[in-house]
């Protein structure tokens, strides 16, 4: 598990997201193979904010 993924999971667990929802958001952020870690973390947290 990458550092950005651990950070994103930690943030989402703090908001009591289900494990399935966390996994779907992580998969969404991983879709772009050219994105760097910062962009993937941004995409994951942005998607999580939309789900709140």
N, C-alpha and C. Protein backbone atom coordinates (compact mmCIF):
# COMPACT_ATOMS: atom_id res chain seq x y z
N UNK A 1 0.86 -1.18 0.00
CA UNK A 1 0.00 0.00 0.00
C UNK A 1 0.90 1.24 0.00
N UNK A 2 0.61 2.13 -0.90
CA UNK A 2 1.39 3.37 -1.05
C UNK A 2 1.05 4.36 0.06
N UNK A 3 1.94 5.30 0.28
CA UNK A 3 1.75 6.31 1.32
C UNK A 3 0.48 7.13 1.08
N UNK A 4 0.23 7.53 -0.16
CA UNK A 4 -0.97 8.33 -0.46
C UNK A 4 -2.22 7.53 -0.15
N UNK A 5 -2.17 6.22 -0.41
CA UNK A 5 -3.33 5.38 -0.16
C UNK A 5 -3.59 5.24 1.34
N UNK A 6 -2.53 5.11 2.13
CA UNK A 6 -2.70 5.04 3.59
C UNK A 6 -3.28 6.33 4.13
N UNK A 7 -2.81 7.47 3.61
CA UNK A 7 -3.34 8.76 4.06
C UNK A 7 -4.82 8.89 3.70
N UNK A 8 -5.16 8.52 2.48
CA UNK A 8 -6.55 8.62 2.04
C UNK A 8 -7.45 7.71 2.87
N UNK A 9 -7.01 6.48 3.11
CA UNK A 9 -7.79 5.54 3.92
C UNK A 9 -7.98 6.08 5.34
N UNK A 10 -6.93 6.66 5.89
CA UNK A 10 -7.01 7.21 7.24
C UNK A 10 -8.03 8.34 7.32
N UNK A 11 -8.01 9.22 6.33
CA UNK A 11 -8.96 10.33 6.29
C UNK A 11 -10.39 9.80 6.20
N UNK A 12 -10.61 8.85 5.30
CA UNK A 12 -11.96 8.34 5.10
C UNK A 12 -12.46 7.52 6.29
N UNK A 13 -11.56 6.79 6.96
CA UNK A 13 -11.97 6.05 8.15
C UNK A 13 -12.38 7.01 9.26
N UNK A 14 -11.75 8.18 9.30
CA UNK A 14 -12.12 9.20 10.27
C UNK A 14 -13.55 9.69 10.08
N UNK A 15 -14.03 9.62 8.83
CA UNK A 15 -15.41 10.02 8.54
C UNK A 15 -16.35 8.82 8.50
N UNK A 16 -15.88 7.68 8.98
CA UNK A 16 -16.68 6.45 9.11
C UNK A 16 -17.21 5.93 7.77
N UNK A 17 -16.41 6.05 6.73
CA UNK A 17 -16.77 5.44 5.45
C UNK A 17 -16.66 3.92 5.59
N UNK A 18 -17.52 3.20 4.89
CA UNK A 18 -17.43 1.73 4.90
C UNK A 18 -16.19 1.30 4.11
N UNK A 19 -15.72 0.10 4.38
CA UNK A 19 -14.54 -0.41 3.69
C UNK A 19 -14.79 -0.52 2.18
N UNK A 20 -16.00 -0.91 1.80
CA UNK A 20 -16.34 -1.02 0.38
C UNK A 20 -16.28 0.35 -0.30
N UNK A 21 -16.80 1.38 0.38
CA UNK A 21 -16.78 2.73 -0.18
C UNK A 21 -15.34 3.24 -0.30
N UNK A 22 -14.52 2.97 0.71
CA UNK A 22 -13.11 3.38 0.67
C UNK A 22 -12.41 2.72 -0.51
N UNK A 23 -12.65 1.41 -0.69
CA UNK A 23 -12.01 0.69 -1.80
C UNK A 23 -12.45 1.24 -3.15
N UNK A 24 -13.71 1.59 -3.29
CA UNK A 24 -14.18 2.12 -4.58
C UNK A 24 -13.55 3.49 -4.86
N UNK A 25 -13.38 4.31 -3.83
CA UNK A 25 -12.75 5.62 -4.02
C UNK A 25 -11.26 5.46 -4.35
N UNK A 26 -10.58 4.54 -3.69
CA UNK A 26 -9.17 4.28 -3.98
C UNK A 26 -9.02 3.78 -5.42
N UNK A 27 -9.90 2.90 -5.84
CA UNK A 27 -9.86 2.40 -7.23
C UNK A 27 -10.09 3.54 -8.22
N UNK A 28 -11.00 4.45 -7.90
CA UNK A 28 -11.25 5.61 -8.75
C UNK A 28 -9.98 6.45 -8.88
N UNK A 29 -9.29 6.68 -7.78
CA UNK A 29 -8.08 7.50 -7.81
C UNK A 29 -6.95 6.80 -8.56
N UNK A 30 -6.94 5.47 -8.57
CA UNK A 30 -5.89 4.70 -9.24
C UNK A 30 -6.11 4.55 -10.74
N UNK A 31 -7.24 4.99 -11.27
CA UNK A 31 -7.56 4.76 -12.67
C UNK A 31 -6.57 5.42 -13.63
N UNK A 32 -6.03 6.56 -13.27
CA UNK A 32 -5.10 7.27 -14.16
C UNK A 32 -3.67 6.80 -13.90
N UNK A 33 -3.10 6.02 -14.82
CA UNK A 33 -1.75 5.48 -14.58
C UNK A 33 -0.65 6.54 -14.62
N UNK A 34 -0.93 7.69 -15.23
CA UNK A 34 0.09 8.74 -15.34
C UNK A 34 0.09 9.70 -14.15
N UNK A 35 -0.91 9.59 -13.28
CA UNK A 35 -1.02 10.51 -12.14
C UNK A 35 0.03 10.18 -11.08
N UNK A 36 0.60 11.24 -10.50
CA UNK A 36 1.56 11.02 -9.42
C UNK A 36 0.81 10.84 -8.09
N UNK A 37 1.55 10.58 -7.04
CA UNK A 37 0.94 10.30 -5.73
C UNK A 37 0.10 11.46 -5.21
N UNK A 38 0.59 12.68 -5.39
CA UNK A 38 -0.15 13.84 -4.91
C UNK A 38 -1.49 13.98 -5.62
N UNK A 39 -1.50 13.76 -6.91
CA UNK A 39 -2.74 13.86 -7.67
C UNK A 39 -3.71 12.75 -7.27
N UNK A 40 -3.20 11.55 -7.05
CA UNK A 40 -4.07 10.45 -6.63
C UNK A 40 -4.68 10.73 -5.25
N UNK A 41 -3.88 11.27 -4.33
CA UNK A 41 -4.41 11.63 -3.02
C UNK A 41 -5.47 12.71 -3.15
N UNK A 42 -5.22 13.70 -4.00
CA UNK A 42 -6.20 14.76 -4.22
C UNK A 42 -7.49 14.19 -4.79
N UNK A 43 -7.38 13.32 -5.79
CA UNK A 43 -8.57 12.75 -6.42
C UNK A 43 -9.38 11.94 -5.40
N UNK A 44 -8.69 11.18 -4.54
CA UNK A 44 -9.37 10.36 -3.55
C UNK A 44 -10.08 11.24 -2.52
N UNK A 45 -9.41 12.27 -2.02
CA UNK A 45 -10.03 13.10 -1.00
C UNK A 45 -11.14 13.96 -1.60
N UNK A 46 -10.98 14.38 -2.84
CA UNK A 46 -12.02 15.16 -3.50
C UNK A 46 -13.28 14.30 -3.68
N UNK A 47 -13.10 13.07 -4.12
CA UNK A 47 -14.23 12.16 -4.30
C UNK A 47 -14.89 11.86 -2.95
N UNK A 48 -14.09 11.72 -1.91
CA UNK A 48 -14.64 11.45 -0.57
C UNK A 48 -15.47 12.64 -0.09
N UNK A 49 -15.01 13.87 -0.34
CA UNK A 49 -15.77 15.05 0.05
C UNK A 49 -17.11 15.11 -0.68
N UNK A 50 -17.11 14.68 -1.94
CA UNK A 50 -18.37 14.66 -2.69
C UNK A 50 -19.38 13.67 -2.09
N UNK A 51 -18.86 12.64 -1.46
CA UNK A 51 -19.73 11.60 -0.88
C UNK A 51 -20.29 11.97 0.49
N UNK A 52 -19.76 13.01 1.10
CA UNK A 52 -20.25 13.40 2.43
C UNK A 52 -21.61 14.02 2.36
